[in-house]
Amino acid sequence: MVSLPALARRGDAALRDLASRVARRAGWTPAVLAHPGYGSGGRVRVLGRVLLAPAGTHPEDRRAVPGWQRFLTLESPGTAVVVEIAGQRTVVRSDDDGLIDVTLRVDLPDAGAVPVVLRAGSRESVAVVHLASPDAARGVVCDIDDTVLVTGIATPLRAAWRTFVQPMTGRQAVPGMVRLLRELTSDAPHVPVVYVSNGPWNLAGPLGRFLEHSGYPPGALLLTDWGPTPTRWFRDGRSHKRAALRRLAADLPGVRWTLVGDTGEHDPALYEEFARAQPDRVRAVLLRDVTDAAARVERFGEVPVVYGRDGDAIAAALPAVD
């Protein structure tokens, strides 16, 4: 028996397919968006998204629109995309949600930010893959909402206003978090930084620009696709972050991660699960306490856990666990 979420996904796919056929008849063609990825040791994870757009336009040109308008998109599944990196070209195809998520073996410099060009037809988009040092011993995984960006997830109406209506230029960084992440990535070259969020890929562009303009360390961006799945009405945020942590542990096996998040959603439970399962892969867990409680240090088994109301409070407690 087919589940209701599976039927909803089929219905969603049928509506998108109908809208896409109408758009293509009107002259819309695929346009690709490149997102920052990561890699090391000759392996790179390339990320992007393919949408349909009117001739002469590109989705990246829509920078000053409210968040809700970024959900009015038509994905282009099964589209051939040329990936060019360090002069080497590979043809890949977007998945059923129009997403590009592929791991390639490429001869590259040891470390640093390397440009990657994604091209669909005559349209292209450029991002970078952040290559960790082959001997990188530490890295940072960081949540976004209410960890580096004030969202107020605990107050749904306020969070919805900030996400769907307020322009990203009006959003605020969590106090002290830029300094904290800069401290975590200092004194070592090319420390891998990965921002993991349950936010949708529709907001990848504005989120990336917010992180850059606020002064956060550059890094890869791992978001998710909203909407029905074969087993759920809506994407499973816990599964997304759990899978991201396991994938990073496999892709960068020599790295011990500092996991940065907040207490507003599922970060404490997910980070504890990962830290207890692989304590040798976790340097520390740092949690912004959204209840504004006093800073404190606890442990998930062998792994120290620091709580603080903002980045400065967490940083002040760090010497106790280093």
C-alpha atoms as a PDB file:
ATOM      1  CA  MET A   1       0.000   0.000   0.000  1.00  0.00           C
ATOM      2  CA  VAL A   2       1.358   3.399  -0.973  1.00  0.00           C
ATOM      3  CA  SER A   3       1.765   5.797   1.968  1.00  0.00           C
ATOM      4  CA  LEU A   4       0.143   9.228   2.028  1.00  0.00           C
ATOM      5  CA  PRO A   5       3.553  11.009   2.026  1.00  0.00           C
ATOM      6  CA  ALA A   6       4.546   8.966  -1.036  1.00  0.00           C
ATOM      7  CA  LEU A   7       1.322  10.001  -2.782  1.00  0.00           C
ATOM      8  CA  ALA A   8       1.978  13.619  -1.810  1.00  0.00           C
ATOM      9  CA  ARG A   9       5.468  13.402  -3.291  1.00  0.00           C
ATOM     10  CA  ARG A  10       4.072  11.952  -6.523  1.00  0.00           C
ATOM     11  CA  GLY A  11       1.512  14.725  -6.667  1.00  0.00           C
ATOM     12  CA  ASP A  12       4.172  17.353  -6.019  1.00  0.00           C
ATOM     13  CA  ALA A  13       6.366  15.887  -8.761  1.00  0.00           C
ATOM     14  CA  ALA A  14       3.433  15.803 -11.206  1.00  0.00           C
ATOM     15  CA  LEU A  15       2.583  19.466 -10.564  1.00  0.00           C
ATOM     16  CA  ARG A  16       6.220  20.494 -10.967  1.00  0.00           C
ATOM     17  CA  ASP A  17       6.469  18.499 -14.171  1.00  0.00           C
ATOM     18  CA  LEU A  18       3.363  20.203 -15.577  1.00  0.00           C
ATOM     19  CA  ALA A  19       4.630  23.665 -14.583  1.00  0.00           C
ATOM     20  CA  SER A  20       8.036  22.870 -16.070  1.00  0.00           C
ATOM     21  CA  ARG A  21       6.540  21.855 -19.421  1.00  0.00           C
ATOM     22  CA  VAL A  22       4.568  25.108 -19.550  1.00  0.00           C
ATOM     23  CA  ALA A  23       7.684  27.116 -18.626  1.00  0.00           C
ATOM     24  CA  ARG A  24       9.818  25.387 -21.268  1.00  0.00           C
ATOM     25  CA  ARG A  25       7.208  26.166 -23.917  1.00  0.00           C
ATOM     26  CA  ALA A  26       7.483  29.798 -22.810  1.00  0.00           C
ATOM     27  CA  GLY A  27      11.236  29.727 -23.454  1.00  0.00           C
ATOM     28  CA  TRP A  28      12.548  28.973 -19.974  1.00  0.00           C
ATOM     29  CA  THR A  29      15.801  26.975 -19.917  1.00  0.00           C
ATOM     30  CA  PRO A  30      17.986  25.389 -17.204  1.00  0.00           C
ATOM     31  CA  ALA A  31      20.180  27.659 -15.083  1.00  0.00           C
ATOM     32  CA  VAL A  32      22.618  26.235 -12.568  1.00  0.00           C
ATOM     33  CA  LEU A  33      23.527  27.568  -9.116  1.00  0.00           C
ATOM     34  CA  ALA A  34      26.901  26.508  -7.687  1.00  0.00           C
ATOM     35  CA  HIS A  35      27.318  26.182  -3.916  1.00  0.00           C
ATOM     36  CA  PRO A  36      30.554  25.940  -1.899  1.00  0.00           C
ATOM     37  CA  GLY A  37      31.802  22.400  -1.367  1.00  0.00           C
ATOM     38  CA  TYR A  38      34.739  20.711   0.344  1.00  0.00           C
ATOM     39  CA  GLY A  39      37.390  18.112  -0.238  1.00  0.00           C
ATOM     40  CA  SER A  40      40.838  16.754   0.496  1.00  0.00           C
ATOM     41  CA  GLY A  41      43.315  14.240  -0.862  1.00  0.00           C
ATOM     42  CA  GLY A  42      42.157  14.473  -4.481  1.00  0.00           C
ATOM     43  CA  ARG A  43      38.457  14.011  -3.667  1.00  0.00           C
ATOM     44  CA  VAL A  44      36.024  16.935  -3.845  1.00  0.00           C
ATOM     45  CA  ARG A  45      32.329  17.169  -3.067  1.00  0.00           C
ATOM     46  CA  VAL A  46      30.647  19.452  -5.625  1.00  0.00           C
ATOM     47  CA  LEU A  47      27.263  20.954  -4.765  1.00  0.00           C
ATOM     48  CA  GLY A  48      24.730  22.884  -6.814  1.00  0.00           C
ATOM     49  CA  ARG A  49      21.128  23.206  -7.969  1.00  0.00           C
ATOM     50  CA  VAL A  50      19.502  23.452 -11.395  1.00  0.00           C
ATOM     51  CA  LEU A  51      16.412  25.596 -11.926  1.00  0.00           C
ATOM     52  CA  LEU A  52      14.410  26.746 -14.916  1.00  0.00           C
ATOM     53  CA  ALA A  53      14.602  30.485 -15.610  1.00  0.00           C
ATOM     54  CA  PRO A  54      13.408  32.854 -18.353  1.00  0.00           C
ATOM     55  CA  ALA A  55      15.801  33.590 -21.195  1.00  0.00           C
ATOM     56  CA  GLY A  56      18.234  36.389 -20.414  1.00  0.00           C
ATOM     57  CA  THR A  57      17.901  36.025 -16.641  1.00  0.00           C
ATOM     58  CA  HIS A  58      19.640  34.028 -13.925  1.00  0.00           C
ATOM     59  CA  PRO A  59      18.335  33.025 -10.457  1.00  0.00           C
ATOM     60  CA  GLU A  60      21.468  34.501  -8.851  1.00  0.00           C
ATOM     61  CA  ASP A  61      20.362  37.957 -10.044  1.00  0.00           C
ATOM     62  CA  ARG A  62      17.457  37.917  -7.540  1.00  0.00           C
ATOM     63  CA  ARG A  63      19.442  39.126  -4.555  1.00  0.00           C
ATOM     64  CA  ALA A  64      17.096  41.688  -3.028  1.00  0.00           C
ATOM     65  CA  VAL A  65      13.888  39.651  -2.861  1.00  0.00           C
ATOM     66  CA  PRO A  66      12.083  38.430   0.296  1.00  0.00           C
ATOM     67  CA  GLY A  67      12.783  34.882   1.377  1.00  0.00           C
ATOM     68  CA  TRP A  68       9.341  33.593   0.371  1.00  0.00           C
ATOM     69  CA  GLN A  69       9.938  34.509  -3.268  1.00  0.00           C
ATOM     70  CA  ARG A  70      12.957  32.185  -3.321  1.00  0.00           C
ATOM     71  CA  PHE A  71      10.583  29.256  -2.867  1.00  0.00           C
ATOM     72  CA  LEU A  72       8.814  30.104  -6.130  1.00  0.00           C
ATOM     73  CA  THR A  73      11.201  28.072  -8.261  1.00  0.00           C
ATOM     74  CA  LEU A  74      10.976  25.327 -10.835  1.00  0.00           C
ATOM     75  CA  GLU A  75      13.636  22.666 -10.376  1.00  0.00           C
ATOM     76  CA  SER A  76      15.139  20.987 -13.426  1.00  0.00           C
ATOM     77  CA  PRO A  77      15.743  17.280 -12.658  1.00  0.00           C
ATOM     78  CA  GLY A  78      17.852  15.059 -14.866  1.00  0.00           C
ATOM     79  CA  THR A  79      19.689  17.999 -16.430  1.00  0.00           C
ATOM     80  CA  ALA A  80      23.215  17.521 -17.779  1.00  0.00           C
ATOM     81  CA  VAL A  81      25.699  19.824 -16.025  1.00  0.00           C
ATOM     82  CA  VAL A  82      29.352  20.276 -16.913  1.00  0.00           C
ATOM     83  CA  VAL A  83      31.586  20.534 -13.845  1.00  0.00           C
ATOM     84  CA  GLU A  84      34.920  22.235 -14.518  1.00  0.00           C
ATOM     85  CA  ILE A  85      37.585  22.351 -11.834  1.00  0.00           C
ATOM     86  CA  ALA A  86      41.321  22.878 -12.262  1.00  0.00           C
ATOM     87  CA  GLY A  87      40.911  22.534 -16.032  1.00  0.00           C
ATOM     88  CA  GLN A  88      39.266  19.124 -15.735  1.00  0.00           C
ATOM     89  CA  ARG A  89      35.695  18.592 -16.944  1.00  0.00           C
ATOM     90  CA  THR A  90      33.086  16.060 -15.862  1.00  0.00           C
ATOM     91  CA  VAL A  91      29.442  15.766 -16.942  1.00  0.00           C
ATOM     92  CA  VAL A  92      26.932  14.973 -14.191  1.00  0.00           C
ATOM     93  CA  ARG A  93      23.137  15.106 -13.935  1.00  0.00           C
ATOM     94  CA  SER A  94      20.849  16.774 -11.416  1.00  0.00           C
ATOM     95  CA  ASP A  95      18.731  14.471  -9.231  1.00  0.00           C
ATOM     96  CA  ASP A  96      14.943  14.333  -8.925  1.00  0.00           C
ATOM     97  CA  ASP A  97      14.976  17.576  -6.907  1.00  0.00           C
ATOM     98  CA  GLY A  98      17.270  19.401  -9.308  1.00  0.00           C
ATOM     99  CA  LEU A  99      20.234  19.047  -6.944  1.00  0.00           C
ATOM    100  CA  ILE A 100      23.871  18.369  -7.802  1.00  0.00           C
ATOM    101  CA  ASP A 101      25.752  16.469  -5.087  1.00  0.00           C
ATOM    102  CA  VAL A 102      28.665  14.495  -6.490  1.00  0.00           C
ATOM    103  CA  THR A 103      32.097  13.432  -5.289  1.00  0.00           C
ATOM    104  CA  LEU A 104      34.831  13.624  -7.914  1.00  0.00           C
ATOM    105  CA  ARG A 105      38.442  12.553  -8.021  1.00  0.00           C
ATOM    106  CA  VAL A 106      40.458  15.484  -9.324  1.00  0.00           C
ATOM    107  CA  ASP A 107      44.160  16.351  -9.366  1.00  0.00           C
ATOM    108  CA  LEU A 108      44.277  19.511  -7.251  1.00  0.00           C
ATOM    109  CA  PRO A 109      46.635  21.534  -5.059  1.00  0.00           C
ATOM    110  CA  ASP A 110      47.098  20.231  -1.539  1.00  0.00           C
ATOM    111  CA  ALA A 111      44.773  22.775   0.065  1.00  0.00           C
ATOM    112  CA  GLY A 112      42.985  26.076  -0.338  1.00  0.00           C
ATOM    113  CA  ALA A 113      39.908  27.474  -2.080  1.00  0.00           C
ATOM    114  CA  VAL A 114      39.669  26.248  -5.673  1.00  0.00           C
ATOM    115  CA  PRO A 115      37.065  27.658  -8.109  1.00  0.00           C
ATOM    116  CA  VAL A 116      34.510  25.276  -9.566  1.00  0.00           C
ATOM    117  CA  VAL A 117      32.366  26.173 -12.575  1.00  0.00           C
ATOM    118  CA  LEU A 118      28.994  24.525 -13.163  1.00  0.00           C
ATOM    119  CA  ARG A 119      27.557  24.976 -16.638  1.00  0.00           C
ATOM    120  CA  ALA A 120      24.112  24.050 -17.986  1.00  0.00           C
ATOM    121  CA  GLY A 121      23.758  25.004 -21.634  1.00  0.00           C
ATOM    122  CA  SER A 122      25.002  28.570 -22.088  1.00  0.00           C
ATOM    123  CA  ARG A 123      24.554  29.494 -18.421  1.00  0.00           C
ATOM    124  CA  GLU A 124      27.156  28.992 -15.746  1.00  0.00           C
ATOM    125  CA  SER A 125      27.749  29.642 -12.066  1.00  0.00           C
ATOM    126  CA  VAL A 126      30.973  29.748 -10.067  1.00  0.00           C
ATOM    127  CA  ALA A 127      31.632  28.719  -6.463  1.00  0.00           C
ATOM    128  CA  VAL A 128      34.621  27.242  -4.637  1.00  0.00           C
ATOM    129  CA  VAL A 129      35.524  23.929  -3.073  1.00  0.00           C
ATOM    130  CA  HIS A 130      37.407  24.333   0.187  1.00  0.00           C
ATOM    131  CA  LEU A 131      40.273  21.870   0.269  1.00  0.00           C
ATOM    132  CA  ALA A 132      41.431  20.903   3.746  1.00  0.00           C
ATOM    133  CA  SER A 133      45.094  20.330   4.409  1.00  0.00           C
ATOM    134  CA  PRO A 134      45.964  16.639   3.954  1.00  0.00           C
ATOM    135  CA  ASP A 135      47.254  16.644   7.520  1.00  0.00           C
ATOM    136  CA  ALA A 136      44.366  18.704   8.964  1.00  0.00           C
ATOM    137  CA  ALA A 137      43.852  17.489  12.527  1.00  0.00           C
ATOM    138  CA  ARG A 138      40.852  19.660  13.401  1.00  0.00           C
ATOM    139  CA  GLY A 139      37.804  21.143  11.781  1.00  0.00           C
ATOM    140  CA  VAL A 140      34.530  22.877  12.605  1.00  0.00           C
ATOM    141  CA  VAL A 141      30.943  21.819  11.941  1.00  0.00           C
ATOM    142  CA  CYS A 142      28.562  24.675  12.657  1.00  0.00           C
ATOM    143  CA  ASP A 143      24.793  25.030  12.689  1.00  0.00           C
ATOM    144  CA  ILE A 144      23.335  28.278  11.280  1.00  0.00           C
ATOM    145  CA  ASP A 145      19.917  29.255  12.710  1.00  0.00           C
ATOM    146  CA  ASP A 146      20.280  30.624  16.267  1.00  0.00           C
ATOM    147  CA  THR A 147      23.936  29.570  16.292  1.00  0.00           C
ATOM    148  CA  VAL A 148      25.521  32.123  13.959  1.00  0.00           C
ATOM    149  CA  LEU A 149      22.337  33.846  12.732  1.00  0.00           C
ATOM    150  CA  VAL A 150      19.600  35.147  15.043  1.00  0.00           C
ATOM    151  CA  THR A 151      16.373  33.380  13.993  1.00  0.00           C
ATOM    152  CA  GLY A 152      14.350  32.643  17.129  1.00  0.00           C
ATOM    153  CA  ILE A 153      13.270  29.111  16.212  1.00  0.00           C
ATOM    154  CA  ALA A 154      11.667  28.777  19.659  1.00  0.00           C
ATOM    155  CA  THR A 155       9.192  31.498  18.586  1.00  0.00           C
ATOM    156  CA  PRO A 156       7.769  30.132  15.313  1.00  0.00           C
ATOM    157  CA  LEU A 157       5.993  33.290  14.122  1.00  0.00           C
ATOM    158  CA  ARG A 158       9.075  35.436  14.709  1.00  0.00           C
ATOM    159  CA  ALA A 159      11.290  32.847  13.012  1.00  0.00           C
ATOM    160  CA  ALA A 160       8.933  32.675  10.028  1.00  0.00           C
ATOM    161  CA  TRP A 161       8.962  36.471   9.665  1.00  0.00           C
ATOM    162  CA  ARG A 162      12.747  36.580   9.698  1.00  0.00           C
ATOM    163  CA  THR A 163      13.070  33.677   7.262  1.00  0.00           C
ATOM    164  CA  PHE A 164      10.349  34.471   4.735  1.00  0.00           C
ATOM    165  CA  VAL A 165       9.933  38.259   4.914  1.00  0.00           C
ATOM    166  CA  GLN A 166      12.919  40.051   6.429  1.00  0.00           C
ATOM    167  CA  PRO A 167      15.760  40.582   3.926  1.00  0.00           C
ATOM    168  CA  MET A 168      19.034  38.909   4.807  1.00  0.00           C
ATOM    169  CA  THR A 169      20.721  42.317   4.932  1.00  0.00           C
ATOM    170  CA  GLY A 170      18.594  43.079   7.990  1.00  0.00           C
ATOM    171  CA  ARG A 171      19.457  39.886   9.866  1.00  0.00           C
ATOM    172  CA  GLN A 172      21.818  39.874  12.851  1.00  0.00           C
ATOM    173  CA  ALA A 173      24.744  37.644  13.702  1.00  0.00           C
ATOM    174  CA  VAL A 174      24.758  36.021  17.136  1.00  0.00           C
ATOM    175  CA  PRO A 175      27.100  38.134  19.312  1.00  0.00           C
ATOM    176  CA  GLY A 176      30.621  36.804  19.626  1.00  0.00           C
ATOM    177  CA  MET A 177      30.188  33.899  17.210  1.00  0.00           C
ATOM    178  CA  VAL A 178      32.383  35.385  14.484  1.00  0.00           C
ATOM    179  CA  ARG A 179      35.233  35.756  16.998  1.00  0.00           C
ATOM    180  CA  LEU A 180      34.646  32.239  18.322  1.00  0.00           C
ATOM    181  CA  LEU A 181      34.773  30.583  14.912  1.00  0.00           C
ATOM    182  CA  ARG A 182      37.793  32.659  13.920  1.00  0.00           C
ATOM    183  CA  GLU A 183      39.531  31.467  17.081  1.00  0.00           C
ATOM    184  CA  LEU A 184      38.643  27.846  16.346  1.00  0.00           C
ATOM    185  CA  THR A 185      40.189  28.081  12.872  1.00  0.00           C
ATOM    186  CA  SER A 186      43.290  30.105  13.753  1.00  0.00           C
ATOM    187  CA  ASP A 187      46.894  28.940  14.087  1.00  0.00           C
ATOM    188  CA  ALA A 188      46.548  26.206  11.446  1.00  0.00           C
ATOM    189  CA  PRO A 189      46.301  26.415   7.643  1.00  0.00           C
ATOM    190  CA  HIS A 190      43.133  25.419   5.784  1.00  0.00           C
ATOM    191  CA  VAL A 191      41.073  24.133   8.698  1.00  0.00           C
ATOM    192  CA  PRO A 192      37.868  22.675   7.194  1.00  0.00           C
ATOM    193  CA  VAL A 193      34.680  24.545   8.115  1.00  0.00           C
ATOM    194  CA  VAL A 194      31.259  23.172   7.211  1.00  0.00           C
ATOM    195  CA  TYR A 195      27.980  24.978   7.906  1.00  0.00           C
ATOM    196  CA  VAL A 196      25.136  22.457   8.299  1.00  0.00           C
ATOM    197  CA  SER A 197      21.527  23.607   8.501  1.00  0.00           C
ATOM    198  CA  ASN A 198      17.989  22.288   8.130  1.00  0.00           C
ATOM    199  CA  GLY A 199      17.292  25.369   6.032  1.00  0.00           C
ATOM    200  CA  PRO A 200      16.379  24.863   2.358  1.00  0.00           C
ATOM    201  CA  TRP A 201      18.716  25.156  -0.607  1.00  0.00           C
ATOM    202  CA  ASN A 202      16.479  28.008  -1.793  1.00  0.00           C
ATOM    203  CA  LEU A 203      18.215  30.258   0.753  1.00  0.00           C
ATOM    204  CA  ALA A 204      21.780  29.139   0.027  1.00  0.00           C
ATOM    205  CA  GLY A 205      22.753  32.334  -1.805  1.00  0.00           C
ATOM    206  CA  PRO A 206      21.558  34.793   0.870  1.00  0.00           C
ATOM    207  CA  LEU A 207      22.976  32.624   3.672  1.00  0.00           C
ATOM    208  CA  GLY A 208      26.366  32.389   1.981  1.00  0.00           C
ATOM    209  CA  ARG A 209      26.507  36.157   1.493  1.00  0.00           C
ATOM    210  CA  PHE A 210      25.457  36.721   5.130  1.00  0.00           C
ATOM    211  CA  LEU A 211      28.254  34.498   6.402  1.00  0.00           C
ATOM    212  CA  GLU A 212      30.795  36.241   4.187  1.00  0.00           C
ATOM    213  CA  HIS A 213      29.692  39.799   4.990  1.00  0.00           C
ATOM    214  CA  SER A 214      29.541  39.046   8.716  1.00  0.00           C
ATOM    215  CA  GLY A 215      33.142  37.833   8.686  1.00  0.00           C
ATOM    216  CA  TYR A 216      32.617  34.145   9.413  1.00  0.00           C
ATOM    217  CA  PRO A 217      35.341  31.774   8.195  1.00  0.00           C
ATOM    218  CA  PRO A 218      34.656  30.543   4.654  1.00  0.00           C
ATOM    219  CA  GLY A 219      33.411  26.994   4.343  1.00  0.00           C
ATOM    220  CA  ALA A 220      31.089  24.559   2.663  1.00  0.00           C
ATOM    221  CA  LEU A 221      27.315  24.858   3.003  1.00  0.00           C
ATOM    222  CA  LEU A 222      25.122  21.780   3.548  1.00  0.00           C
ATOM    223  CA  LEU A 223      21.398  22.539   3.431  1.00  0.00           C
ATOM    224  CA  THR A 224      18.413  20.341   2.622  1.00  0.00           C
ATOM    225  CA  ASP A 225      15.435  20.085   0.309  1.00  0.00           C
ATOM    226  CA  TRP A 226      12.044  20.865   1.830  1.00  0.00           C
ATOM    227  CA  GLY A 227       8.872  19.083   0.827  1.00  0.00           C
ATOM    228  CA  PRO A 228       7.398  15.583   0.947  1.00  0.00           C
ATOM    229  CA  THR A 229       9.572  12.474   0.800  1.00  0.00           C
ATOM    230  CA  PRO A 230       8.511   8.881   0.118  1.00  0.00           C
ATOM    231  CA  THR A 231       8.080   8.332   3.881  1.00  0.00           C
ATOM    232  CA  ARG A 232       7.416  11.774   5.393  1.00  0.00           C
ATOM    233  CA  TRP A 233       5.272  14.858   4.752  1.00  0.00           C
ATOM    234  CA  PHE A 234       8.306  17.073   5.382  1.00  0.00           C
ATOM    235  CA  ARG A 235      12.048  16.594   5.391  1.00  0.00           C
ATOM    236  CA  ASP A 236      13.573  15.021   8.512  1.00  0.00           C
ATOM    237  CA  GLY A 237      15.987  17.583   9.963  1.00  0.00           C
ATOM    238  CA  ARG A 238      17.570  15.117  12.369  1.00  0.00           C
ATOM    239  CA  SER A 239      18.304  12.631   9.599  1.00  0.00           C
ATOM    240  CA  HIS A 240      19.816  15.384   7.454  1.00  0.00           C
ATOM    241  CA  LYS A 241      22.267  16.493  10.146  1.00  0.00           C
ATOM    242  CA  ARG A 242      23.017  12.947  11.271  1.00  0.00           C
ATOM    243  CA  ALA A 243      23.846  11.944   7.705  1.00  0.00           C
ATOM    244  CA  ALA A 244      25.959  15.074   7.229  1.00  0.00           C
ATOM    245  CA  LEU A 245      28.072  14.277  10.303  1.00  0.00           C
ATOM    246  CA  ARG A 246      28.627  10.673   9.239  1.00  0.00           C
ATOM    247  CA  ARG A 247      29.515  11.747   5.705  1.00  0.00           C
ATOM    248  CA  LEU A 248      32.056  14.286   6.960  1.00  0.00           C
ATOM    249  CA  ALA A 249      33.648  11.679   9.231  1.00  0.00           C
ATOM    250  CA  ALA A 250      34.070   9.398   6.214  1.00  0.00           C
ATOM    251  CA  ASP A 251      35.175  12.072   3.746  1.00  0.00           C
ATOM    252  CA  LEU A 252      37.775  13.674   6.058  1.00  0.00           C
ATOM    253  CA  PRO A 253      38.954  10.742   8.198  1.00  0.00           C
ATOM    254  CA  GLY A 254      41.875  12.495   9.877  1.00  0.00           C
ATOM    255  CA  VAL A 255      39.872  15.403  11.280  1.00  0.00           C
ATOM    256  CA  ARG A 256      38.682  15.814  14.866  1.00  0.00           C
ATOM    257  CA  TRP A 257      35.652  18.077  14.767  1.00  0.00           C
ATOM    258  CA  THR A 258      34.482  20.867  17.028  1.00  0.00           C
ATOM    259  CA  LEU A 259      30.694  20.733  16.794  1.00  0.00           C
ATOM    260  CA  VAL A 260      28.999  24.120  17.226  1.00  0.00           C
ATOM    261  CA  GLY A 261      25.249  24.494  17.661  1.00  0.00           C
ATOM    262  CA  ASP A 262      22.499  25.719  19.967  1.00  0.00           C
ATOM    263  CA  THR A 263      19.975  24.321  22.424  1.00  0.00           C
ATOM    264  CA  GLY A 264      16.904  25.532  20.515  1.00  0.00           C
ATOM    265  CA  GLU A 265      16.372  22.377  18.437  1.00  0.00           C
ATOM    266  CA  HIS A 266      18.066  18.987  18.106  1.00  0.00           C
ATOM    267  CA  ASP A 267      21.773  19.875  18.122  1.00  0.00           C
ATOM    268  CA  PRO A 268      22.506  18.661  21.691  1.00  0.00           C
ATOM    269  CA  ALA A 269      20.987  15.216  21.101  1.00  0.00           C
ATOM    270  CA  LEU A 270      22.546  14.780  17.647  1.00  0.00           C
ATOM    271  CA  TYR A 271      25.976  15.959  18.756  1.00  0.00           C
ATOM    272  CA  GLU A 272      25.833  13.725  21.821  1.00  0.00           C
ATOM    273  CA  GLU A 273      24.914  10.739  19.656  1.00  0.00           C
ATOM    274  CA  PHE A 274      27.849  11.378  17.330  1.00  0.00           C
ATOM    275  CA  ALA A 275      30.298  12.150  20.171  1.00  0.00           C
ATOM    276  CA  ARG A 276      29.472   8.959  22.060  1.00  0.00           C
ATOM    277  CA  ALA A 277      29.630   6.844  18.896  1.00  0.00           C
ATOM    278  CA  GLN A 278      32.929   8.328  17.670  1.00  0.00           C
ATOM    279  CA  PRO A 279      34.622  10.122  20.594  1.00  0.00           C
ATOM    280  CA  ASP A 280      37.978  10.060  18.810  1.00  0.00           C
ATOM    281  CA  ARG A 281      36.492  12.224  16.049  1.00  0.00           C
ATOM    282  CA  VAL A 282      35.127  15.001  18.297  1.00  0.00           C
ATOM    283  CA  ARG A 283      37.371  17.604  19.914  1.00  0.00           C
ATOM    284  CA  ALA A 284      34.591  19.472  21.731  1.00  0.00           C
ATOM    285  CA  VAL A 285      30.899  20.375  21.532  1.00  0.00           C
ATOM    286  CA  LEU A 286      30.036  24.078  21.852  1.00  0.00           C
ATOM    287  CA  LEU A 287      26.389  24.995  22.377  1.00  0.00           C
ATOM    288  CA  ARG A 288      24.816  28.417  22.462  1.00  0.00           C
ATOM    289  CA  ASP A 289      22.233  28.218  25.268  1.00  0.00           C
ATOM    290  CA  VAL A 290      19.164  30.079  23.964  1.00  0.00           C
ATOM    291  CA  THR A 291      17.750  30.231  27.522  1.00  0.00           C
ATOM    292  CA  ASP A 292      20.494  32.740  28.382  1.00  0.00           C
ATOM    293  CA  ALA A 293      21.711  30.554  31.247  1.00  0.00           C
ATOM    294  CA  ALA A 294      25.144  30.959  32.814  1.00  0.00           C
ATOM    295  CA  ALA A 295      28.088  29.366  31.034  1.00  0.00           C
ATOM    296  CA  ARG A 296      28.934  25.843  32.126  1.00  0.00           C
ATOM    297  CA  VAL A 297      31.021  22.850  31.100  1.00  0.00           C
ATOM    298  CA  GLU A 298      29.677  19.290  30.959  1.00  0.00           C
ATOM    299  CA  ARG A 299      30.665  16.137  29.079  1.00  0.00           C
ATOM    300  CA  PHE A 300      29.231  13.721  26.550  1.00  0.00           C
ATOM    301  CA  GLY A 301      31.240  10.717  27.687  1.00  0.00           C
ATOM    302  CA  GLU A 302      34.866  11.644  26.963  1.00  0.00           C
ATOM    303  CA  VAL A 303      33.985  14.805  25.019  1.00  0.00           C
ATOM    304  CA  PRO A 304      33.801  18.219  26.747  1.00  0.00           C
ATOM    305  CA  VAL A 305      30.627  20.248  26.162  1.00  0.00           C
ATOM    306  CA  VAL A 306      30.612  24.020  26.696  1.00  0.00           C
ATOM    307  CA  TYR A 307      27.355  25.956  27.065  1.00  0.00           C
ATOM    308  CA  GLY A 308      27.138  29.749  26.885  1.00  0.00           C
ATOM    309  CA  ARG A 309      24.630  32.466  25.993  1.00  0.00           C
ATOM    310  CA  ASP A 310      26.760  33.676  23.054  1.00  0.00           C
ATOM    311  CA  GLY A 311      30.109  33.235  21.366  1.00  0.00           C
ATOM    312  CA  ASP A 312      31.985  35.326  23.917  1.00  0.00           C
ATOM    313  CA  ALA A 313      30.647  33.318  26.864  1.00  0.00           C
ATOM    314  CA  ILE A 314      31.576  30.052  25.147  1.00  0.00           C
ATOM    315  CA  ALA A 315      35.056  31.333  24.267  1.00  0.00           C
ATOM    316  CA  ALA A 316      35.647  32.385  27.873  1.00  0.00           C
ATOM    317  CA  ALA A 317      34.989  28.818  29.033  1.00  0.00           C
ATOM    318  CA  LEU A 318      37.147  27.164  26.381  1.00  0.00           C
ATOM    319  CA  PRO A 319      40.459  27.247  28.319  1.00  0.00           C
ATOM    320  CA  ALA A 320      38.854  24.935  30.877  1.00  0.00           C
ATOM    321  CA  VAL A 321      38.520  22.179  28.281  1.00  0.00           C
ATOM    322  CA  ASP A 322      41.576  22.687  26.021  1.00  0.00           C
END
